[in-house]
Amino acid sequence: MTKNELIEKVAKKASLTKRASRDAVNSVFNLIKDSLVRGEKAVITGFGTFLIRSRTARRGRNPQTGETIQIPGRKLPGFSAGKTIKRLIK
């Protein structure tokens, strides 16, 4: 499902205009994004949790030269599905 499809479905389900639906969907995404930027997790009960995951620094290998390189650690966004979603997908 794309973002536009989500906006259309929200508009139909909630009897909203497409503009109001787009504003609502964008607001939810922006709130989740802002929470992650602050280093907090966003928990949506019954759906899942958006969180920041940390990768440690590690050694890698340049595939062209075979030279060993150091890959720096970094933070990445992640999603962990809730129990309800996991049960539905089984």
PDB file of N, CA and C in Angstrom:
ATOM      1  N   MET A   1       0.856  -1.172   0.000  1.00  0.00           N
ATOM      2  CA  MET A   1       0.000   0.000   0.000  1.00  0.00           C
ATOM      3  C   MET A   1       0.899   1.230   0.000  1.00  0.00           C
ATOM      4  N   THR A   2       0.604   2.164  -0.876  1.00  0.00           N
ATOM      5  CA  THR A   2       1.360   3.406  -0.939  1.00  0.00           C
ATOM      6  C   THR A   2       0.714   4.452  -0.035  1.00  0.00           C
ATOM      7  N   LYS A   3       1.418   5.549   0.157  1.00  0.00           N
ATOM      8  CA  LYS A   3       0.898   6.623   0.993  1.00  0.00           C
ATOM      9  C   LYS A   3      -0.400   7.189   0.397  1.00  0.00           C
ATOM     10  N   ASN A   4      -0.450   7.339  -0.924  1.00  0.00           N
ATOM     11  CA  ASN A   4      -1.662   7.858  -1.564  1.00  0.00           C
ATOM     12  C   ASN A   4      -2.846   6.911  -1.393  1.00  0.00           C
ATOM     13  N   GLU A   5      -2.585   5.611  -1.480  1.00  0.00           N
ATOM     14  CA  GLU A   5      -3.653   4.636  -1.260  1.00  0.00           C
ATOM     15  C   GLU A   5      -4.152   4.703   0.182  1.00  0.00           C
ATOM     16  N   LEU A   6      -3.224   4.871   1.115  1.00  0.00           N
ATOM     17  CA  LEU A   6      -3.600   5.008   2.523  1.00  0.00           C
ATOM     18  C   LEU A   6      -4.471   6.242   2.733  1.00  0.00           C
ATOM     19  N   ILE A   7      -4.115   7.352   2.122  1.00  0.00           N
ATOM     20  CA  ILE A   7      -4.889   8.587   2.236  1.00  0.00           C
ATOM     21  C   ILE A   7      -6.298   8.386   1.691  1.00  0.00           C
ATOM     22  N   GLU A   8      -6.423   7.733   0.551  1.00  0.00           N
ATOM     23  CA  GLU A   8      -7.737   7.480  -0.040  1.00  0.00           C
ATOM     24  C   GLU A   8      -8.594   6.585   0.848  1.00  0.00           C
ATOM     25  N   LYS A   9      -7.987   5.542   1.414  1.00  0.00           N
ATOM     26  CA  LYS A   9      -8.744   4.627   2.271  1.00  0.00           C
ATOM     27  C   LYS A   9      -9.175   5.291   3.569  1.00  0.00           C
ATOM     28  N   VAL A  10      -8.316   6.138   4.139  1.00  0.00           N
ATOM     29  CA  VAL A  10      -8.683   6.873   5.350  1.00  0.00           C
ATOM     30  C   VAL A  10      -9.830   7.830   5.040  1.00  0.00           C
ATOM     31  N   ALA A  11      -9.782   8.472   3.889  1.00  0.00           N
ATOM     32  CA  ALA A  11     -10.847   9.396   3.494  1.00  0.00           C
ATOM     33  C   ALA A  11     -12.189   8.669   3.396  1.00  0.00           C
ATOM     34  N   LYS A  12     -12.190   7.484   2.809  1.00  0.00           N
ATOM     35  CA  LYS A  12     -13.432   6.725   2.669  1.00  0.00           C
ATOM     36  C   LYS A  12     -13.938   6.219   4.014  1.00  0.00           C
ATOM     37  N   LYS A  13     -13.042   5.633   4.819  1.00  0.00           N
ATOM     38  CA  LYS A  13     -13.437   5.051   6.109  1.00  0.00           C
ATOM     39  C   LYS A  13     -13.946   6.100   7.084  1.00  0.00           C
ATOM     40  N   ALA A  14     -13.306   7.270   7.103  1.00  0.00           N
ATOM     41  CA  ALA A  14     -13.651   8.294   8.085  1.00  0.00           C
ATOM     42  C   ALA A  14     -14.582   9.356   7.513  1.00  0.00           C
ATOM     43  N   SER A  15     -15.033   9.182   6.287  1.00  0.00           N
ATOM     44  CA  SER A  15     -15.901  10.160   5.610  1.00  0.00           C
ATOM     45  C   SER A  15     -15.286  11.555   5.646  1.00  0.00           C
ATOM     46  N   LEU A  16     -14.026  11.624   5.238  1.00  0.00           N
ATOM     47  CA  LEU A  16     -13.302  12.891   5.179  1.00  0.00           C
ATOM     48  C   LEU A  16     -13.029  13.261   3.734  1.00  0.00           C
ATOM     49  N   THR A  17     -12.721  14.528   3.531  1.00  0.00           N
ATOM     50  CA  THR A  17     -12.259  14.925   2.207  1.00  0.00           C
ATOM     51  C   THR A  17     -10.848  14.391   2.037  1.00  0.00           C
ATOM     52  N   LYS A  18     -10.391  14.334   0.811  1.00  0.00           N
ATOM     53  CA  LYS A  18      -9.047  13.831   0.554  1.00  0.00           C
ATOM     54  C   LYS A  18      -8.003  14.751   1.191  1.00  0.00           C
ATOM     55  N   ARG A  19      -8.258  16.037   1.186  1.00  0.00           N
ATOM     56  CA  ARG A  19      -7.327  17.004   1.786  1.00  0.00           C
ATOM     57  C   ARG A  19      -7.236  16.796   3.296  1.00  0.00           C
ATOM     58  N   ALA A  20      -8.378  16.621   3.957  1.00  0.00           N
ATOM     59  CA  ALA A  20      -8.387  16.402   5.406  1.00  0.00           C
ATOM     60  C   ALA A  20      -7.708  15.081   5.750  1.00  0.00           C
ATOM     61  N   SER A  21      -7.942  14.086   4.921  1.00  0.00           N
ATOM     62  CA  SER A  21      -7.323  12.789   5.130  1.00  0.00           C
ATOM     63  C   SER A  21      -5.803  12.882   4.965  1.00  0.00           C
ATOM     64  N   ARG A  22      -5.363  13.595   3.943  1.00  0.00           N
ATOM     65  CA  ARG A  22      -3.928  13.770   3.713  1.00  0.00           C
ATOM     66  C   ARG A  22      -3.282  14.491   4.894  1.00  0.00           C
ATOM     67  N   ASP A  23      -3.956  15.521   5.419  1.00  0.00           N
ATOM     68  CA  ASP A  23      -3.440  16.252   6.581  1.00  0.00           C
ATOM     69  C   ASP A  23      -3.347  15.341   7.804  1.00  0.00           C
ATOM     70  N   ALA A  24      -4.343  14.497   8.005  1.00  0.00           N
ATOM     71  CA  ALA A  24      -4.351  13.588   9.154  1.00  0.00           C
ATOM     72  C   ALA A  24      -3.218  12.563   9.043  1.00  0.00           C
ATOM     73  N   VAL A  25      -3.067  11.961   7.885  1.00  0.00           N
ATOM     74  CA  VAL A  25      -2.020  10.952   7.682  1.00  0.00           C
ATOM     75  C   VAL A  25      -0.642  11.586   7.834  1.00  0.00           C
ATOM     76  N   ASN A  26      -0.447  12.746   7.226  1.00  0.00           N
ATOM     77  CA  ASN A  26       0.844  13.432   7.338  1.00  0.00           C
ATOM     78  C   ASN A  26       1.136  13.834   8.780  1.00  0.00           C
ATOM     79  N   SER A  27       0.115  14.236   9.524  1.00  0.00           N
ATOM     80  CA  SER A  27       0.306  14.596  10.929  1.00  0.00           C
ATOM     81  C   SER A  27       0.775  13.394  11.743  1.00  0.00           C
ATOM     82  N   VAL A  28       0.166  12.243  11.517  1.00  0.00           N
ATOM     83  CA  VAL A  28       0.568  11.033  12.241  1.00  0.00           C
ATOM     84  C   VAL A  28       2.015  10.686  11.910  1.00  0.00           C
ATOM     85  N   PHE A  29       2.368  10.694  10.634  1.00  0.00           N
ATOM     86  CA  PHE A  29       3.738  10.371  10.240  1.00  0.00           C
ATOM     87  C   PHE A  29       4.732  11.366  10.823  1.00  0.00           C
ATOM     88  N   ASN A  30       4.378  12.657  10.814  1.00  0.00           N
ATOM     89  CA  ASN A  30       5.271  13.682  11.358  1.00  0.00           C
ATOM     90  C   ASN A  30       5.446  13.526  12.865  1.00  0.00           C
ATOM     91  N   LEU A  31       4.384  13.164  13.580  1.00  0.00           N
ATOM     92  CA  LEU A  31       4.499  12.951  15.020  1.00  0.00           C
ATOM     93  C   LEU A  31       5.412  11.765  15.330  1.00  0.00           C
ATOM     94  N   ILE A  32       5.291  10.699  14.563  1.00  0.00           N
ATOM     95  CA  ILE A  32       6.170   9.537  14.755  1.00  0.00           C
ATOM     96  C   ILE A  32       7.615   9.930  14.448  1.00  0.00           C
ATOM     97  N   LYS A  33       7.808  10.643  13.349  1.00  0.00           N
ATOM     98  CA  LYS A  33       9.152  11.075  12.956  1.00  0.00           C
ATOM     99  C   LYS A  33       9.770  11.980  14.021  1.00  0.00           C
ATOM    100  N   ASP A  34       9.001  12.945  14.525  1.00  0.00           N
ATOM    101  CA  ASP A  34       9.504  13.854  15.551  1.00  0.00           C
ATOM    102  C   ASP A  34       9.886  13.107  16.823  1.00  0.00           C
ATOM    103  N   SER A  35       9.100  12.111  17.179  1.00  0.00           N
ATOM    104  CA  SER A  35       9.392  11.298  18.353  1.00  0.00           C
ATOM    105  C   SER A  35      10.722  10.569  18.180  1.00  0.00           C
ATOM    106  N   LEU A  36      10.958  10.002  17.011  1.00  0.00           N
ATOM    107  CA  LEU A  36      12.204   9.288  16.748  1.00  0.00           C
ATOM    108  C   LEU A  36      13.397  10.236  16.738  1.00  0.00           C
ATOM    109  N   VAL A  37      13.228  11.427  16.192  1.00  0.00           N
ATOM    110  CA  VAL A  37      14.309  12.406  16.165  1.00  0.00           C
ATOM    111  C   VAL A  37      14.721  12.793  17.583  1.00  0.00           C
ATOM    112  N   ARG A  38      13.765  12.862  18.496  1.00  0.00           N
ATOM    113  CA  ARG A  38      14.058  13.175  19.900  1.00  0.00           C
ATOM    114  C   ARG A  38      14.652  11.982  20.643  1.00  0.00           C
ATOM    115  N   GLY A  39      14.734  10.827  19.998  1.00  0.00           N
ATOM    116  CA  GLY A  39      15.296   9.642  20.629  1.00  0.00           C
ATOM    117  C   GLY A  39      14.281   8.827  21.406  1.00  0.00           C
ATOM    118  N   GLU A  40      13.009   9.158  21.269  1.00  0.00           N
ATOM    119  CA  GLU A  40      11.942   8.440  21.965  1.00  0.00           C
ATOM    120  C   GLU A  40      11.357   7.380  21.032  1.00  0.00           C
ATOM    121  N   LYS A  41      10.696   6.406  21.624  1.00  0.00           N
ATOM    122  CA  LYS A  41      10.005   5.431  20.787  1.00  0.00           C
ATOM    123  C   LYS A  41       8.534   5.812  20.706  1.00  0.00           C
ATOM    124  N   ALA A  42       7.897   5.417  19.623  1.00  0.00           N
ATOM    125  CA  ALA A  42       6.478   5.686  19.409  1.00  0.00           C
ATOM    126  C   ALA A  42       5.736   4.355  19.464  1.00  0.00           C
ATOM    127  N   VAL A  43       4.915   4.179  20.491  1.00  0.00           N
ATOM    128  CA  VAL A  43       4.187   2.935  20.689  1.00  0.00           C
ATOM    129  C   VAL A  43       2.744   3.127  20.251  1.00  0.00           C
ATOM    130  N   ILE A  44       2.287   2.318  19.320  1.00  0.00           N
ATOM    131  CA  ILE A  44       0.905   2.340  18.866  1.00  0.00           C
ATOM    132  C   ILE A  44       0.315   0.993  19.282  1.00  0.00           C
ATOM    133  N   THR A  45      -0.454   1.024  20.355  1.00  0.00           N
ATOM    134  CA  THR A  45      -1.000  -0.195  20.935  1.00  0.00           C
ATOM    135  C   THR A  45      -1.836  -0.955  19.910  1.00  0.00           C
ATOM    136  N   GLY A  46      -1.593  -2.255  19.815  1.00  0.00           N
ATOM    137  CA  GLY A  46      -2.315  -3.091  18.869  1.00  0.00           C
ATOM    138  C   GLY A  46      -1.698  -3.109  17.490  1.00  0.00           C
ATOM    139  N   PHE A  47      -0.681  -2.276  17.254  1.00  0.00           N
ATOM    140  CA  PHE A  47      -0.044  -2.224  15.942  1.00  0.00           C
ATOM    141  C   PHE A  47       1.443  -2.527  16.042  1.00  0.00           C
ATOM    142  N   GLY A  48       2.175  -1.687  16.782  1.00  0.00           N
ATOM    143  CA  GLY A  48       3.605  -1.922  16.913  1.00  0.00           C
ATOM    144  C   GLY A  48       4.323  -0.736  17.502  1.00  0.00           C
ATOM    145  N   THR A  49       5.651  -0.822  17.493  1.00  0.00           N
ATOM    146  CA  THR A  49       6.495   0.201  18.083  1.00  0.00           C
ATOM    147  C   THR A  49       7.545   0.642  17.075  1.00  0.00           C
ATOM    148  N   PHE A  50       7.649   1.956  16.903  1.00  0.00           N
ATOM    149  CA  PHE A  50       8.714   2.546  16.099  1.00  0.00           C
ATOM    150  C   PHE A  50       9.799   2.962  17.081  1.00  0.00           C
ATOM    151  N   LEU A  51      11.063   2.593  16.788  1.00  0.00           N
ATOM    152  CA  LEU A  51      12.139   2.885  17.716  1.00  0.00           C
ATOM    153  C   LEU A  51      13.442   3.119  16.978  1.00  0.00           C
ATOM    154  N   ILE A  52      14.441   3.586  17.724  1.00  0.00           N
ATOM    155  CA  ILE A  52      15.776   3.813  17.169  1.00  0.00           C
ATOM    156  C   ILE A  52      16.648   2.625  17.566  1.00  0.00           C
ATOM    157  N   ARG A  53      17.314   2.038  16.585  1.00  0.00           N
ATOM    158  CA  ARG A  53      18.237   0.939  16.840  1.00  0.00           C
ATOM    159  C   ARG A  53      19.661   1.430  16.587  1.00  0.00           C
ATOM    160  N   SER A  54      20.583   0.962  17.379  1.00  0.00           N
ATOM    161  CA  SER A  54      21.983   1.359  17.213  1.00  0.00           C
ATOM    162  C   SER A  54      22.782   0.205  16.635  1.00  0.00           C
ATOM    163  N   ARG A  55      23.595   0.525  15.643  1.00  0.00           N
ATOM    164  CA  ARG A  55      24.526  -0.457  15.085  1.00  0.00           C
ATOM    165  C   ARG A  55      25.910  -0.117  15.613  1.00  0.00           C
ATOM    166  N   THR A  56      26.628  -1.102  16.053  1.00  0.00           N
ATOM    167  CA  THR A  56      27.982  -0.862  16.539  1.00  0.00           C
ATOM    168  C   THR A  56      28.938  -0.758  15.365  1.00  0.00           C
ATOM    169  N   ALA A  57      30.091  -0.145  15.610  1.00  0.00           N
ATOM    170  CA  ALA A  57      31.120  -0.068  14.577  1.00  0.00           C
ATOM    171  C   ALA A  57      31.620  -1.488  14.304  1.00  0.00           C
ATOM    172  N   ARG A  58      31.991  -1.743  13.072  1.00  0.00           N
ATOM    173  CA  ARG A  58      32.442  -3.090  12.719  1.00  0.00           C
ATOM    174  C   ARG A  58      33.445  -3.031  11.573  1.00  0.00           C
ATOM    175  N   ARG A  59      34.100  -4.124  11.370  1.00  0.00           N
ATOM    176  CA  ARG A  59      35.040  -4.224  10.257  1.00  0.00           C
ATOM    177  C   ARG A  59      34.308  -4.729   9.029  1.00  0.00           C
ATOM    178  N   GLY A  60      34.697  -4.194   7.897  1.00  0.00           N
ATOM    179  CA  GLY A  60      34.130  -4.635   6.636  1.00  0.00           C
ATOM    180  C   GLY A  60      35.234  -4.826   5.620  1.00  0.00           C
ATOM    181  N   ARG A  61      34.839  -5.192   4.436  1.00  0.00           N
ATOM    182  CA  ARG A  61      35.822  -5.431   3.389  1.00  0.00           C
ATOM    183  C   ARG A  61      35.353  -4.748   2.117  1.00  0.00           C
ATOM    184  N   ASN A  62      36.233  -3.985   1.505  1.00  0.00           N
ATOM    185  CA  ASN A  62      35.936  -3.354   0.226  1.00  0.00           C
ATOM    186  C   ASN A  62      35.882  -4.452  -0.829  1.00  0.00           C
ATOM    187  N   PRO A  63      34.721  -4.654  -1.489  1.00  0.00           N
ATOM    188  CA  PRO A  63      34.601  -5.765  -2.435  1.00  0.00           C
ATOM    189  C   PRO A  63      35.493  -5.624  -3.673  1.00  0.00           C
ATOM    190  N   GLN A  64      35.873  -4.393  -4.021  1.00  0.00           N
ATOM    191  CA  GLN A  64      36.699  -4.214  -5.224  1.00  0.00           C
ATOM    192  C   GLN A  64      38.173  -4.499  -4.957  1.00  0.00           C
ATOM    193  N   THR A  65      38.643  -4.053  -3.782  1.00  0.00           N
ATOM    194  CA  THR A  65      40.076  -4.206  -3.511  1.00  0.00           C
ATOM    195  C   THR A  65      40.379  -5.294  -2.497  1.00  0.00           C
ATOM    196  N   GLY A  66      39.391  -5.707  -1.718  1.00  0.00           N
ATOM    197  CA  GLY A  66      39.625  -6.692  -0.672  1.00  0.00           C
ATOM    198  C   GLY A  66      40.214  -6.082   0.581  1.00  0.00           C
ATOM    199  N   GLU A  67      40.414  -4.757   0.567  1.00  0.00           N
ATOM    200  CA  GLU A  67      40.995  -4.051   1.704  1.00  0.00           C
ATOM    201  C   GLU A  67      40.022  -4.030   2.886  1.00  0.00           C
ATOM    202  N   THR A  68      40.552  -4.222   4.093  1.00  0.00           N
ATOM    203  CA  THR A  68      39.737  -4.168   5.301  1.00  0.00           C
ATOM    204  C   THR A  68      39.494  -2.705   5.654  1.00  0.00           C
ATOM    205  N   ILE A  69      38.228  -2.368   5.933  1.00  0.00           N
ATOM    206  CA  ILE A  69      37.876  -0.995   6.302  1.00  0.00           C
ATOM    207  C   ILE A  69      37.074  -1.017   7.596  1.00  0.00           C
ATOM    208  N   GLN A  70      37.045   0.115   8.276  1.00  0.00           N
ATOM    209  CA  GLN A  70      36.270   0.253   9.498  1.00  0.00           C
ATOM    210  C   GLN A  70      34.946   0.926   9.139  1.00  0.00           C
ATOM    211  N   ILE A  71      33.823   0.279   9.452  1.00  0.00           N
ATOM    212  CA  ILE A  71      32.493   0.839   9.203  1.00  0.00           C
ATOM    213  C   ILE A  71      32.022   1.451  10.513  1.00  0.00           C
ATOM    214  N   PRO A  72      31.730   2.764  10.510  1.00  0.00           N
ATOM    215  CA  PRO A  72      31.346   3.420  11.768  1.00  0.00           C
ATOM    216  C   PRO A  72      29.960   2.985  12.243  1.00  0.00           C
ATOM    217  N   GLY A  73      29.732   3.102  13.537  1.00  0.00           N
ATOM    218  CA  GLY A  73      28.419   2.799  14.096  1.00  0.00           C
ATOM    219  C   GLY A  73      27.421   3.878  13.697  1.00  0.00           C
ATOM    220  N   ARG A  74      26.147   3.560  13.776  1.00  0.00           N
ATOM    221  CA  ARG A  74      25.120   4.539  13.418  1.00  0.00           C
ATOM    222  C   ARG A  74      23.792   4.177  14.054  1.00  0.00           C
ATOM    223  N   LYS A  75      22.881   5.120  14.028  1.00  0.00           N
ATOM    224  CA  LYS A  75      21.532   4.891  14.536  1.00  0.00           C
ATOM    225  C   LYS A  75      20.599   4.754  13.348  1.00  0.00           C
ATOM    226  N   LEU A  76      19.654   3.810  13.450  1.00  0.00           N
ATOM    227  CA  LEU A  76      18.704   3.553  12.369  1.00  0.00           C
ATOM    228  C   LEU A  76      17.296   3.444  12.938  1.00  0.00           C
ATOM    229  N   PRO A  77      16.295   3.880  12.183  1.00  0.00           N
ATOM    230  CA  PRO A  77      14.921   3.672  12.640  1.00  0.00           C
ATOM    231  C   PRO A  77      14.544   2.203  12.465  1.00  0.00           C
ATOM    232  N   GLY A  78      13.687   1.743  13.367  1.00  0.00           N
ATOM    233  CA  GLY A  78      13.238   0.362  13.286  1.00  0.00           C
ATOM    234  C   GLY A  78      11.775   0.249  13.674  1.00  0.00           C
ATOM    235  N   PHE A  79      11.192  -0.885  13.349  1.00  0.00           N
ATOM    236  CA  PHE A  79       9.797  -1.141  13.689  1.00  0.00           C
ATOM    237  C   PHE A  79       9.704  -2.545  14.256  1.00  0.00           C
ATOM    238  N   SER A  80       8.969  -2.663  15.335  1.00  0.00           N
ATOM    239  CA  SER A  80       8.715  -3.965  15.938  1.00  0.00           C
ATOM    240  C   SER A  80       7.202  -4.160  15.966  1.00  0.00           C
ATOM    241  N   ALA A  81       6.722  -5.179  15.297  1.00  0.00           N
ATOM    242  CA  ALA A  81       5.284  -5.425  15.218  1.00  0.00           C
ATOM    243  C   ALA A  81       4.740  -5.869  16.575  1.00  0.00           C
ATOM    244  N   GLY A  82       3.512  -5.462  16.872  1.00  0.00           N
ATOM    245  CA  GLY A  82       2.857  -5.844  18.111  1.00  0.00           C
ATOM    246  C   GLY A  82       2.285  -7.250  18.035  1.00  0.00           C
ATOM    247  N   LYS A  83       1.856  -7.761  19.183  1.00  0.00           N
ATOM    248  CA  LYS A  83       1.317  -9.123  19.254  1.00  0.00           C
ATOM    249  C   LYS A  83       0.116  -9.307  18.335  1.00  0.00           C
ATOM    250  N   THR A  84      -0.765  -8.305  18.290  1.00  0.00           N
ATOM    251  CA  THR A  84      -1.977  -8.411  17.475  1.00  0.00           C
ATOM    252  C   THR A  84      -1.637  -8.603  16.008  1.00  0.00           C
ATOM    253  N   ILE A  85      -0.719  -7.804  15.502  1.00  0.00           N
ATOM    254  CA  ILE A  85      -0.326  -7.900  14.088  1.00  0.00           C
ATOM    255  C   ILE A  85       0.357  -9.242  13.830  1.00  0.00           C
ATOM    256  N   LYS A  86       1.224  -9.653  14.750  1.00  0.00           N
ATOM    257  CA  LYS A  86       1.929 -10.933  14.565  1.00  0.00           C
ATOM    258  C   LYS A  86       0.941 -12.097  14.487  1.00  0.00           C
ATOM    259  N   ARG A  87      -0.099 -12.063  15.340  1.00  0.00           N
ATOM    260  CA  ARG A  87      -1.099 -13.133  15.317  1.00  0.00           C
ATOM    261  C   ARG A  87      -1.882 -13.141  14.012  1.00  0.00           C
ATOM    262  N   LEU A  88      -2.219 -11.972  13.490  1.00  0.00           N
ATOM    263  CA  LEU A  88      -2.996 -11.878  12.254  1.00  0.00           C
ATOM    264  C   LEU A  88      -2.211 -12.378  11.049  1.00  0.00           C
ATOM    265  N   ILE A  89      -0.903 -12.200  11.056  1.00  0.00           N
ATOM    266  CA  ILE A  89      -0.093 -12.560   9.902  1.00  0.00           C
ATOM    267  C   ILE A  89       0.237 -14.039   9.867  1.00  0.00           C
ATOM    268  N   LYS A  90       0.229 -14.701  11.012  1.00  0.00           N
ATOM    269  CA  LYS A  90       0.531 -16.140  11.038  1.00  0.00           C
ATOM    270  C   LYS A  90      -0.367 -16.834  10.089  1.00  0.00           C
TER     271      LYS A  90
END
